């Protein structure tokens, strides 16, 4: 499990982020809570990397509200810093919807190959656009070790 330091957060920031995740993406009868959906925090780690440009805003927001009462309402958390709240919500909702446990509930299989149908392929085959690729034939190379 990734700890606060692994995620580039303080223990307080991680605790605040975990509390916000519970508030923003609560468990329901069918959906697991964020901590159960991402128990090792791997998805949170990936999400934080995608939000690298907003990192300062995220950390400032977490520091701003870390002393808030756990009984705070979402509206009061948003009122303190609307842009910061927005970025943190995007982070947490995106993280939640990227968890395989949530995909399972949604019935989303993940990325699967989807070859174009004949009608779809015709557009790309017109005027010999793909002739060089077709002439090359199937290719595959192992990635470097």
Protein backbone atom coordinates (compact mmCIF):
# COMPACT_ATOMS: atom_id res chain seq x y z
CA UNK A 1 0.00 0.00 0.00
CA UNK A 2 1.29 3.43 -0.92
CA UNK A 3 1.80 5.59 2.14
CA UNK A 4 1.64 9.38 2.39
CA UNK A 5 5.33 9.85 1.52
CA UNK A 6 5.01 7.58 -1.55
CA UNK A 7 2.19 9.83 -2.75
CA UNK A 8 4.08 13.05 -2.03
CA UNK A 9 1.68 13.98 0.77
CA UNK A 10 1.99 14.51 4.48
CA UNK A 11 0.11 12.15 6.79
CA UNK A 12 -2.38 14.96 7.52
CA UNK A 13 -2.91 15.65 3.81
CA UNK A 14 -3.48 11.95 3.12
CA UNK A 15 -5.94 11.72 6.03
CA UNK A 16 -7.79 14.78 4.70
CA UNK A 17 -7.83 13.40 1.16
CA UNK A 18 -9.11 10.03 2.43
CA UNK A 19 -11.86 11.78 4.41
CA UNK A 20 -12.82 13.86 1.35
CA UNK A 21 -12.93 10.73 -0.83
CA UNK A 22 -15.39 9.19 1.63
CA UNK A 23 -17.49 12.36 1.50
CA UNK A 24 -17.35 12.94 -2.28
CA UNK A 25 -17.57 9.30 -3.45
CA UNK A 26 -19.53 7.61 -0.68
CA UNK A 27 -20.32 3.93 -0.65
CA UNK A 28 -23.79 2.85 -1.71
CA UNK A 29 -25.53 -0.51 -1.72
CA UNK A 30 -23.73 -1.47 -4.93
CA UNK A 31 -20.67 0.80 -5.05
CA UNK A 32 -17.72 0.28 -2.69
CA UNK A 33 -16.16 3.16 -0.74
CA UNK A 34 -13.05 4.71 -2.32
CA UNK A 35 -10.66 3.07 0.14
CA UNK A 36 -12.11 -0.37 -0.60
CA UNK A 37 -12.11 0.23 -4.36
CA UNK A 38 -8.44 1.29 -4.28
CA UNK A 39 -7.01 -0.42 -1.17
CA UNK A 40 -3.34 -0.17 -2.19
CA UNK A 41 -3.79 3.45 -3.38
CA UNK A 42 -2.23 2.58 -6.75
CA UNK A 43 -5.05 4.30 -8.64
CA UNK A 44 -4.70 7.36 -6.40
CA UNK A 45 -0.97 7.42 -7.19
CA UNK A 46 -1.67 7.37 -10.94
CA UNK A 47 -4.38 10.02 -10.56
CA UNK A 48 -2.02 12.32 -8.63
CA UNK A 49 0.57 11.96 -11.42
CA UNK A 50 -2.06 13.05 -13.97
CA UNK A 51 -2.84 16.10 -11.83
CA UNK A 52 0.80 17.20 -11.56
CA UNK A 53 -0.04 20.66 -12.94
CA UNK A 54 -2.68 21.12 -10.25
CA UNK A 55 -0.57 19.70 -7.43
CA UNK A 56 -0.02 23.07 -5.74
CA UNK A 57 -3.77 23.79 -5.74
CA UNK A 58 -4.54 20.32 -4.36
CA UNK A 59 -2.01 20.59 -1.54
CA UNK A 60 -3.10 24.14 -0.66
CA UNK A 61 -6.72 23.02 -0.51
CA UNK A 62 -5.92 20.00 1.67
CA UNK A 63 -3.89 22.21 4.02
CA UNK A 64 -6.71 24.77 4.11
CA UNK A 65 -9.38 22.32 5.18
CA UNK A 66 -7.38 19.80 7.22
CA UNK A 67 -8.54 21.45 10.43
CA UNK A 68 -12.20 21.46 9.36
CA UNK A 69 -14.65 19.49 11.41
CA UNK A 70 -15.28 16.04 9.96
CA UNK A 71 -18.96 16.97 10.15
CA UNK A 72 -18.47 19.70 7.53
CA UNK A 73 -20.91 19.82 4.69
CA UNK A 74 -19.76 19.71 1.08
CA UNK A 75 -21.17 23.21 0.51
CA UNK A 76 -18.98 24.71 3.24
CA UNK A 77 -15.90 22.92 1.90
CA UNK A 78 -16.58 24.25 -1.57
CA UNK A 79 -17.17 27.80 -0.29
CA UNK A 80 -13.72 27.98 1.34
CA UNK A 81 -11.88 27.65 -2.02
CA UNK A 82 -14.10 26.84 -5.03
CA UNK A 83 -11.24 26.28 -7.52
CA UNK A 84 -9.31 24.08 -5.07
CA UNK A 85 -12.44 22.12 -4.24
CA UNK A 86 -13.12 21.63 -7.96
CA UNK A 87 -9.67 20.24 -8.68
CA UNK A 88 -9.80 17.90 -5.67
CA UNK A 89 -13.26 16.68 -6.75
CA UNK A 90 -11.97 15.98 -10.27
CA UNK A 91 -9.03 14.09 -8.79
CA UNK A 92 -11.16 12.00 -6.44
CA UNK A 93 -14.02 11.27 -8.84
CA UNK A 94 -11.54 10.42 -11.60
CA UNK A 95 -9.63 8.14 -9.24
CA UNK A 96 -12.85 6.43 -8.16
CA UNK A 97 -14.09 5.85 -11.69
CA UNK A 98 -10.68 4.41 -12.63
CA UNK A 99 -10.78 1.65 -10.00
CA UNK A 100 -11.39 -1.85 -11.33
CA UNK A 101 -13.82 -2.57 -8.48
CA UNK A 102 -15.99 0.30 -9.73
CA UNK A 103 -15.57 -0.83 -13.34
CA UNK A 104 -16.95 -4.21 -12.27
CA UNK A 105 -20.07 -2.61 -10.78
CA UNK A 106 -20.52 -0.47 -13.90
CA UNK A 107 -20.02 -3.46 -16.19
CA UNK A 108 -17.11 -1.72 -17.95
CA UNK A 109 -14.62 -4.27 -19.29
CA UNK A 110 -11.76 -1.80 -19.63
CA UNK A 111 -9.99 -1.08 -22.87
CA UNK A 112 -10.57 -3.85 -25.36
CA UNK A 113 -9.52 -4.03 -29.01
CA UNK A 114 -12.29 -2.88 -31.30
CA UNK A 115 -11.54 -3.56 -34.93
CA UNK A 116 -13.41 -1.36 -37.38
CA UNK A 117 -16.29 -2.91 -39.27
CA UNK A 118 -16.15 -3.12 -43.06
CA UNK A 119 -18.24 0.05 -43.42
CA UNK A 120 -15.96 1.95 -41.01
CA UNK A 121 -12.76 0.71 -42.66
CA UNK A 122 -13.80 1.87 -46.14
CA UNK A 123 -13.16 5.50 -45.17
CA UNK A 124 -9.52 4.74 -44.31
CA UNK A 125 -8.94 2.45 -47.28
CA UNK A 126 -10.03 5.00 -49.89
CA UNK A 127 -7.41 6.56 -52.15
CA UNK A 128 -4.77 4.08 -50.99
CA UNK A 129 -4.24 5.94 -47.73
CA UNK A 130 -3.22 2.77 -45.87
CA UNK A 131 -1.53 0.95 -48.78
CA UNK A 132 2.00 1.37 -47.31
CA UNK A 133 0.85 -0.03 -43.96
CA UNK A 134 -0.93 -2.98 -45.59
CA UNK A 135 2.11 -3.69 -47.81
CA UNK A 136 4.39 -3.80 -44.74
CA UNK A 137 2.32 -6.65 -43.30
CA UNK A 138 1.92 -7.61 -39.66
CA UNK A 139 4.76 -6.48 -37.44
CA UNK A 140 5.68 -7.14 -33.87
CA UNK A 141 8.81 -6.44 -31.90
CA UNK A 142 9.53 -7.19 -28.30
CA UNK A 143 10.10 -4.14 -26.13
CA UNK A 144 13.65 -3.62 -24.91
CA UNK A 145 14.44 -5.35 -21.60
